[in-house]
Amino acid sequence: MRNLLAFFFLIATLACAQTHPEYKVEKLAEGVYALIRQDPVGWMVVSNCVFIINDEDVVVVDTGGANSLAKQMIAELRKLTNKPVRYVINTHWHDDHILGNAAYKEAYPQAEFVAHAATREYLPAKGIAARKSMEEGAPGFAKQLQAAIDKKESLAGGPMSDEERTAYESDIRLVNRYLAEVKDTPIVLPTITVNDRWTLYRGGRVIDVRYFGRAHTSGDIVVHLPKEGILITGDIVMSPIPLVGSDQSHVADWSRTLERLRTLQASIIVPGHGPVLHDDRQLELMSRMFMSITQQTKAGIAKGETLDEIQKGIDLNEFKAALAGDSTLKKILFANYVRVPATASAYSDLGSKSAAAQ
């Protein structure tokens, strides 16, 4: 009975998801296509992905947060070319960027999987623990969101806006699909690891895989196509609201990493989440924000303040206004995805550096 219910739950989830556009295919250059997620801004996210179609093969960057989604994208790829996928590059280790790996491995058995060395180390250990935590916590959170929808009450208090309701309905759909599929989705480890730089030459195309430092995680890599002026950043860059993990991100290093990315002077930037960018204003804004958080946290530590005291006193109004505007939903996300975890991340990083210096 349990398996039968799970089957119908999966079918219902996928049928519901199909009524909402998953992604938009954008041609960035000859043979280069971005698959940009069309979800409303919310708590639950799935990564953007990219196809790089070369003379004889294909390179895929990130694979999304579900096997079923990856199979959709593979079908989309086969509309564009019958060339095989030779390499799958994962920009970092989070499930919404890697869960589709298994579908690509099944469809293209000869494909190699490329990621930072820290990603290979993380996935079979901390990655499994993080996945279990998500499986345990997500159902309760989805119920909380549904209760808010039913009551028409904003999580910030007061009546719920249409933006919030639409976002939470999307969040619930994505959570349900994740839970329906994750248990049966194997982890596919990198077969090639990168510590600094790894470059592919495909005819006249250069595909440069680079590590510029810690940021969203300790194992973030980017894919740079210098001749096309295209930079695929993973979650080092996101919009509208960056996603920061208090125990996985490295805010004290993030600004410096972003400034290194800016030196590439890419004219087309594919972020981990959000629309394709055609200038570096989001990178500059995020860089200034993380530098401000780091400096304010450092000043608080020097005064002997606790993390709680620093979080209460930190001033991020300029950045909240720039990233969230007048949106109640985005303000909620900013508080929960930036203000609290970013300060905790900077506090941890700076404390570690201070201890190392002694």
Protein backbone atom coordinates (compact mmCIF):
# COMPACT_ATOMS: atom_id res chain seq x y z
CA MET A 1 0.00 0.00 0.00
CA ARG A 2 2.82 2.39 0.88
CA ASN A 3 4.49 1.89 -2.52
CA LEU A 4 1.16 2.35 -4.31
CA LEU A 5 0.48 5.60 -2.45
CA ALA A 6 3.98 6.80 -3.21
CA PHE A 7 3.46 6.04 -6.89
CA PHE A 8 0.22 8.03 -7.07
CA PHE A 9 1.81 10.81 -5.04
CA LEU A 10 4.66 11.01 -7.54
CA ILE A 11 2.32 11.01 -10.55
CA ALA A 12 0.14 13.71 -9.00
CA THR A 13 3.17 15.81 -8.17
CA LEU A 14 4.63 15.58 -11.65
CA ALA A 15 1.27 16.21 -13.31
CA CYS A 16 0.86 19.31 -11.18
CA ALA A 17 4.37 20.48 -12.00
CA GLN A 18 3.76 20.13 -15.72
CA THR A 19 1.05 22.82 -15.54
CA HIS A 20 3.74 25.28 -14.49
CA PRO A 21 6.66 26.09 -16.83
CA GLU A 22 9.86 24.48 -15.54
CA TYR A 23 12.44 26.44 -17.49
CA LYS A 24 13.02 28.70 -20.47
CA VAL A 25 15.63 27.72 -23.05
CA GLU A 26 17.77 30.75 -23.99
CA LYS A 27 20.36 30.63 -26.75
CA LEU A 28 23.40 32.54 -25.49
CA ALA A 29 25.79 31.90 -28.38
CA GLU A 30 26.21 29.37 -31.17
CA GLY A 31 25.80 25.99 -29.48
CA VAL A 32 25.37 27.44 -25.97
CA TYR A 33 21.93 27.23 -24.34
CA ALA A 34 20.86 28.20 -20.84
CA LEU A 35 17.88 26.47 -19.22
CA ILE A 36 16.57 29.18 -16.91
CA ARG A 37 14.16 28.20 -14.15
CA GLN A 38 10.73 29.83 -14.31
CA ASP A 39 9.74 29.28 -10.67
CA PRO A 40 8.54 32.29 -8.70
CA VAL A 41 10.98 33.58 -6.08
CA GLY A 42 10.53 31.50 -2.93
CA TRP A 43 12.08 29.26 -0.31
CA MET A 44 12.58 26.16 -2.46
CA VAL A 45 14.85 26.55 -5.47
CA VAL A 46 16.18 24.52 -8.39
CA SER A 47 19.30 25.47 -10.33
CA ASN A 48 19.68 26.92 -13.78
CA CYS A 49 21.51 24.58 -16.18
CA VAL A 50 23.52 25.03 -19.39
CA PHE A 51 24.19 22.97 -22.52
CA ILE A 52 27.45 23.59 -24.41
CA ILE A 53 27.17 21.80 -27.77
CA ASN A 54 30.55 21.36 -29.43
CA ASP A 55 31.72 19.89 -32.74
CA GLU A 56 31.57 16.29 -31.52
CA ASP A 57 30.14 16.27 -28.01
CA VAL A 58 28.21 18.15 -25.33
CA VAL A 59 29.20 19.60 -21.96
CA VAL A 60 26.40 20.05 -19.42
CA VAL A 61 26.70 22.43 -16.47
CA ASP A 62 24.52 21.42 -13.49
CA THR A 63 21.65 18.97 -13.71
CA GLY A 64 18.80 20.29 -11.57
CA GLY A 65 17.09 19.00 -8.46
CA ALA A 66 15.26 15.88 -9.65
CA ASN A 67 15.76 12.90 -11.92
CA SER A 68 12.44 13.57 -13.64
CA LEU A 69 13.51 17.13 -14.39
CA ALA A 70 16.87 15.98 -15.79
CA LYS A 71 15.03 13.59 -18.11
CA GLN A 72 12.97 16.52 -19.39
CA MET A 73 16.17 18.46 -20.05
CA ILE A 74 17.79 15.49 -21.79
CA ALA A 75 14.75 15.34 -24.08
CA GLU A 76 15.24 19.07 -24.75
CA LEU A 77 18.91 18.50 -25.52
CA ARG A 78 18.04 15.76 -28.02
CA LYS A 79 15.87 18.26 -29.89
CA LEU A 80 19.02 20.36 -30.34
CA THR A 81 21.58 17.65 -31.14
CA ASN A 82 22.23 13.90 -31.26
CA LYS A 83 25.81 14.38 -30.03
CA PRO A 84 26.66 12.58 -26.78
CA VAL A 85 27.19 14.26 -23.45
CA ARG A 86 30.90 13.85 -22.67
CA TYR A 87 31.20 15.88 -19.48
CA VAL A 88 28.76 16.94 -16.76
CA ILE A 89 30.11 19.76 -14.61
CA ASN A 90 28.60 20.38 -11.17
CA THR A 91 29.32 23.87 -9.87
CA HIS A 92 28.96 22.66 -6.25
CA TRP A 93 27.39 19.98 -4.13
CA HIS A 94 23.85 21.11 -3.31
CA ASP A 95 21.05 18.74 -4.33
CA ASP A 96 19.29 21.22 -6.60
CA HIS A 97 22.43 21.22 -8.80
CA ILE A 98 23.34 17.51 -8.75
CA LEU A 99 20.29 15.25 -8.37
CA GLY A 100 19.89 15.03 -12.13
CA ASN A 101 23.34 13.45 -12.47
CA ALA A 102 21.87 9.96 -12.25
CA ALA A 103 19.63 10.56 -15.28
CA TYR A 104 22.61 11.76 -17.32
CA LYS A 105 24.68 8.77 -16.22
CA GLU A 106 21.91 6.45 -17.38
CA ALA A 107 21.41 8.25 -20.70
CA TYR A 108 25.13 8.75 -21.40
CA PRO A 109 27.11 5.96 -19.68
CA GLN A 110 30.46 7.26 -20.99
CA ALA A 111 30.00 10.72 -19.49
CA GLU A 112 32.55 11.98 -16.98
CA PHE A 113 31.40 14.03 -13.98
CA VAL A 114 33.48 17.06 -13.03
CA ALA A 115 33.45 19.02 -9.76
CA HIS A 116 35.76 20.56 -7.20
CA ALA A 117 37.67 18.12 -5.01
CA ALA A 118 35.74 19.41 -1.98
CA THR A 119 32.49 18.32 -3.64
CA ARG A 120 33.69 14.74 -3.98
CA GLU A 121 34.73 14.78 -0.33
CA TYR A 122 31.43 16.31 0.83
CA LEU A 123 28.82 14.25 -1.02
CA PRO A 124 29.24 10.76 0.49
CA ALA A 125 29.57 12.06 4.06
CA LYS A 126 28.12 15.44 5.00
CA GLY A 127 26.01 15.36 1.86
CA ILE A 128 24.10 12.29 3.01
CA ALA A 129 23.52 13.86 6.43
CA ALA A 130 22.29 17.09 4.82
CA ARG A 131 19.95 15.14 2.56
CA LYS A 132 18.52 13.23 5.52
CA SER A 133 17.99 16.49 7.38
CA MET A 134 16.13 17.89 4.36
CA GLU A 135 13.96 14.78 4.12
CA GLU A 136 13.07 15.06 7.79
CA GLY A 137 12.45 18.80 7.87
CA ALA A 138 10.83 19.50 4.51
CA PRO A 139 7.41 17.87 5.15
CA GLY A 140 6.84 19.98 8.26
CA PHE A 141 7.89 23.14 6.47
CA ALA A 142 5.56 22.37 3.56
CA LYS A 143 2.71 21.93 6.04
CA GLN A 144 3.59 25.28 7.61
CA LEU A 145 3.43 26.96 4.21
CA GLN A 146 0.11 25.27 3.40
CA ALA A 147 -1.32 26.39 6.74
CA ALA A 148 -0.31 29.96 5.98
CA ILE A 149 -1.98 29.71 2.55
CA ASP A 150 -5.15 28.29 4.09
CA LYS A 151 -5.30 31.09 6.66
CA LYS A 152 -4.24 33.70 4.07
CA GLU A 153 -1.75 34.99 6.61
CA SER A 154 1.72 36.22 5.68
CA LEU A 155 4.68 34.67 7.47
CA ALA A 156 5.60 38.27 8.31
CA GLY A 157 2.17 38.86 9.85
CA GLY A 158 -0.89 40.43 8.31
CA PRO A 159 -2.70 39.37 5.15
CA MET A 160 -0.88 37.23 2.58
CA SER A 161 -0.08 38.88 -0.75
CA ASP A 162 -0.66 37.19 -4.10
CA GLU A 163 3.14 37.08 -4.54
CA GLU A 164 3.56 35.17 -1.29
CA ARG A 165 0.75 32.74 -2.05
CA THR A 166 2.10 31.96 -5.53
CA ALA A 167 5.59 31.45 -4.11
CA TYR A 168 4.44 29.09 -1.37
CA GLU A 169 2.35 27.03 -3.76
CA SER A 170 5.45 26.62 -5.93
CA ASP A 171 7.58 25.78 -2.87
CA ILE A 172 5.17 23.03 -1.87
CA ARG A 173 5.21 21.53 -5.39
CA LEU A 174 9.01 21.50 -5.44
CA VAL A 175 9.26 20.03 -1.93
CA ASN A 176 6.81 17.27 -2.84
CA ARG A 177 8.75 16.32 -5.96
CA TYR A 178 12.02 16.31 -4.05
CA LEU A 179 10.60 14.03 -1.37
CA ALA A 180 8.97 11.73 -3.94
CA GLU A 181 12.24 11.18 -5.82
CA VAL A 182 15.23 11.73 -3.54
CA LYS A 183 15.22 8.34 -1.79
CA ASP A 184 15.54 6.51 -5.10
CA THR A 185 18.15 8.86 -6.58
CA PRO A 186 21.75 7.66 -6.17
CA ILE A 187 24.59 10.06 -5.57
CA VAL A 188 26.87 10.27 -8.60
CA LEU A 189 30.36 11.25 -7.50
CA PRO A 190 32.76 13.26 -9.65
CA THR A 191 35.09 11.16 -11.78
CA ILE A 192 37.30 14.21 -12.41
CA THR A 193 38.09 16.72 -9.67
CA VAL A 194 39.35 20.29 -9.99
CA ASN A 195 41.38 22.19 -7.41
CA ASP A 196 42.34 25.26 -9.40
CA ARG A 197 41.79 25.08 -13.16
CA TRP A 198 40.81 22.54 -15.80
CA THR A 199 40.51 23.53 -19.45
CA LEU A 200 38.81 21.78 -22.37
CA TYR A 201 39.50 22.62 -26.00
CA ARG A 202 36.71 21.74 -28.41
CA GLY A 203 37.49 22.92 -31.94
CA GLY A 204 37.66 26.69 -31.65
CA ARG A 205 35.91 26.70 -28.27
CA VAL A 206 37.70 27.01 -24.94
CA ILE A 207 35.84 25.76 -21.86
CA ASP A 208 37.68 26.97 -18.79
CA VAL A 209 36.65 25.50 -15.42
CA ARG A 210 38.00 27.69 -12.62
CA TYR A 211 38.14 27.83 -8.84
CA PHE A 212 38.41 31.38 -7.54
CA GLY A 213 37.94 30.78 -3.82
CA ARG A 214 35.33 29.97 -1.22
CA ALA A 215 31.91 31.61 -1.47
CA HIS A 216 28.52 29.86 -1.38
CA THR A 217 30.43 26.69 -0.42
CA SER A 218 34.10 25.76 -0.13
CA GLY A 219 33.89 23.93 -3.48
CA ASP A 220 32.37 26.44 -5.90
CA ILE A 221 33.65 26.30 -9.47
CA VAL A 222 32.67 28.41 -12.47
CA VAL A 223 32.66 27.68 -16.19
CA HIS A 224 34.09 30.42 -18.41
CA LEU A 225 33.81 30.56 -22.19
CA PRO A 226 36.28 33.38 -22.91
CA LYS A 227 35.70 33.63 -26.66
CA GLU A 228 31.92 33.91 -26.18
CA GLY A 229 32.20 36.18 -23.12
CA ILE A 230 30.00 33.77 -21.11
CA LEU A 231 30.42 33.00 -17.41
CA ILE A 232 28.40 30.28 -15.64
CA THR A 233 28.72 30.97 -11.92
CA GLY A 234 26.65 28.44 -10.01
CA ASP A 235 25.50 29.91 -6.70
CA ILE A 236 28.42 32.29 -6.29
CA VAL A 237 25.99 34.63 -8.05
CA MET A 238 22.20 34.56 -7.53
CA SER A 239 19.28 36.90 -7.87
CA PRO A 240 17.21 38.38 -6.51
CA ILE A 241 18.14 37.07 -3.04
CA PRO A 242 21.46 35.26 -2.44
CA LEU A 243 21.20 31.97 -0.58
CA VAL A 244 23.65 31.82 2.30
CA GLY A 245 24.30 28.84 4.55
CA SER A 246 25.51 29.59 8.05
CA ASP A 247 27.49 26.34 8.21
CA GLN A 248 28.48 25.88 4.55
CA SER A 249 29.00 29.35 3.07
CA HIS A 250 32.08 31.51 3.58
CA VAL A 251 30.94 35.11 3.65
CA ALA A 252 34.33 36.44 4.77
CA ASP A 253 35.79 35.15 1.47
CA TRP A 254 32.76 35.62 -0.81
CA SER A 255 33.42 39.26 -1.71
CA ARG A 256 37.00 38.55 -2.78
CA THR A 257 35.82 35.62 -4.91
CA LEU A 258 33.23 37.83 -6.62
CA GLU A 259 35.83 40.48 -7.37
CA ARG A 260 37.98 37.81 -9.05
CA LEU A 261 35.00 36.82 -11.19
CA ARG A 262 34.47 40.43 -12.21
CA THR A 263 37.99 40.59 -13.65
CA LEU A 264 36.87 38.12 -16.34
CA GLN A 265 34.65 40.91 -17.73
CA ALA A 266 32.02 38.51 -19.02
CA SER A 267 29.22 40.08 -21.04
CA ILE A 268 26.78 37.22 -20.36
CA ILE A 269 26.49 35.75 -16.86
CA VAL A 270 24.37 32.71 -16.00
CA PRO A 271 23.74 32.74 -12.23
CA GLY A 272 22.83 29.69 -10.19
CA HIS A 273 19.36 31.15 -9.77
CA GLY A 274 17.61 34.00 -11.52
CA PRO A 275 17.61 35.39 -15.06
CA VAL A 276 20.63 35.67 -17.35
CA LEU A 277 22.62 38.82 -16.53
CA HIS A 278 24.20 41.11 -19.10
CA ASP A 279 26.34 43.19 -16.75
CA ASP A 280 28.06 42.68 -13.39
CA ARG A 281 25.85 44.91 -11.24
CA GLN A 282 24.53 41.97 -9.19
CA LEU A 283 28.08 40.76 -8.61
CA GLU A 284 29.15 44.23 -7.49
CA LEU A 285 26.15 44.57 -5.16
CA MET A 286 26.68 41.15 -3.62
CA SER A 287 30.39 41.86 -3.23
CA ARG A 288 29.74 45.10 -1.36
CA MET A 289 27.10 43.45 0.82
CA PHE A 290 29.30 40.55 1.89
CA MET A 291 32.20 42.93 2.52
CA SER A 292 29.93 45.10 4.69
CA ILE A 293 28.72 42.05 6.64
CA THR A 294 32.31 40.92 7.14
CA GLN A 295 33.51 44.33 8.29
CA GLN A 296 30.58 44.87 10.66
CA THR A 297 30.99 41.39 12.09
CA LYS A 298 34.73 41.92 12.54
CA ALA A 299 34.06 45.19 14.37
CA GLY A 300 31.55 43.45 16.64
CA ILE A 301 34.02 40.68 17.46
CA ALA A 302 36.65 43.32 18.32
CA LYS A 303 34.19 44.87 20.80
CA GLY A 304 33.56 41.49 22.39
CA GLU A 305 29.99 41.17 21.10
CA THR A 306 28.28 37.82 20.80
CA LEU A 307 26.92 36.58 17.50
CA ASP A 308 23.38 37.35 18.67
CA GLU A 309 24.38 40.92 19.53
CA ILE A 310 26.07 41.38 16.15
CA GLN A 311 23.03 40.04 14.29
CA LYS A 312 20.70 42.40 16.14
CA GLY A 313 22.88 45.44 15.49
CA ILE A 314 24.07 44.86 11.92
CA ASP A 315 22.86 47.42 9.36
CA LEU A 316 21.98 45.93 5.99
CA ASN A 317 19.18 48.35 5.04
CA GLU A 318 20.93 49.51 1.85
CA PHE A 319 21.24 45.96 0.57
CA LYS A 320 17.78 44.85 1.69
CA ALA A 321 16.29 47.79 -0.20
CA ALA A 322 18.33 46.99 -3.32
CA LEU A 323 17.57 43.25 -3.32
CA ALA A 324 14.08 43.07 -1.82
CA GLY A 325 12.55 46.44 -2.65
CA ASP A 326 8.96 46.74 -1.38
CA SER A 327 8.26 42.99 -1.58
CA THR A 328 7.20 41.48 1.74
CA LEU A 329 8.15 38.04 0.46
CA LYS A 330 11.65 39.09 -0.57
CA LYS A 331 12.14 40.86 2.76
CA ILE A 332 11.27 37.60 4.55
CA LEU A 333 13.73 35.71 2.36
CA PHE A 334 16.42 38.35 2.89
CA ALA A 335 16.09 38.06 6.66
CA ASN A 336 16.25 34.27 6.59
CA TYR A 337 18.69 33.67 3.73
CA VAL A 338 21.04 36.63 4.19
CA ARG A 339 20.92 38.59 7.43
CA VAL A 340 20.99 35.72 9.93
CA PRO A 341 23.10 33.05 8.17
CA ALA A 342 25.53 35.49 6.50
CA THR A 343 26.42 37.06 9.85
CA ALA A 344 26.83 33.59 11.38
CA SER A 345 29.05 32.55 8.44
CA ALA A 346 31.26 35.65 8.74
CA TYR A 347 31.44 35.19 12.52
CA SER A 348 32.59 31.59 12.08
CA ASP A 349 35.11 32.43 9.34
CA LEU A 350 36.59 35.35 11.25
CA GLY A 351 36.73 33.36 14.47
CA SER A 352 38.60 30.56 12.70
CA LYS A 353 41.07 33.01 11.16
CA SER A 354 41.59 34.72 14.52
CA ALA A 355 42.27 31.40 16.24
CA ALA A 356 44.66 30.36 13.47
CA ALA A 357 46.59 33.60 13.84
CA GLN A 358 47.18 33.07 17.57
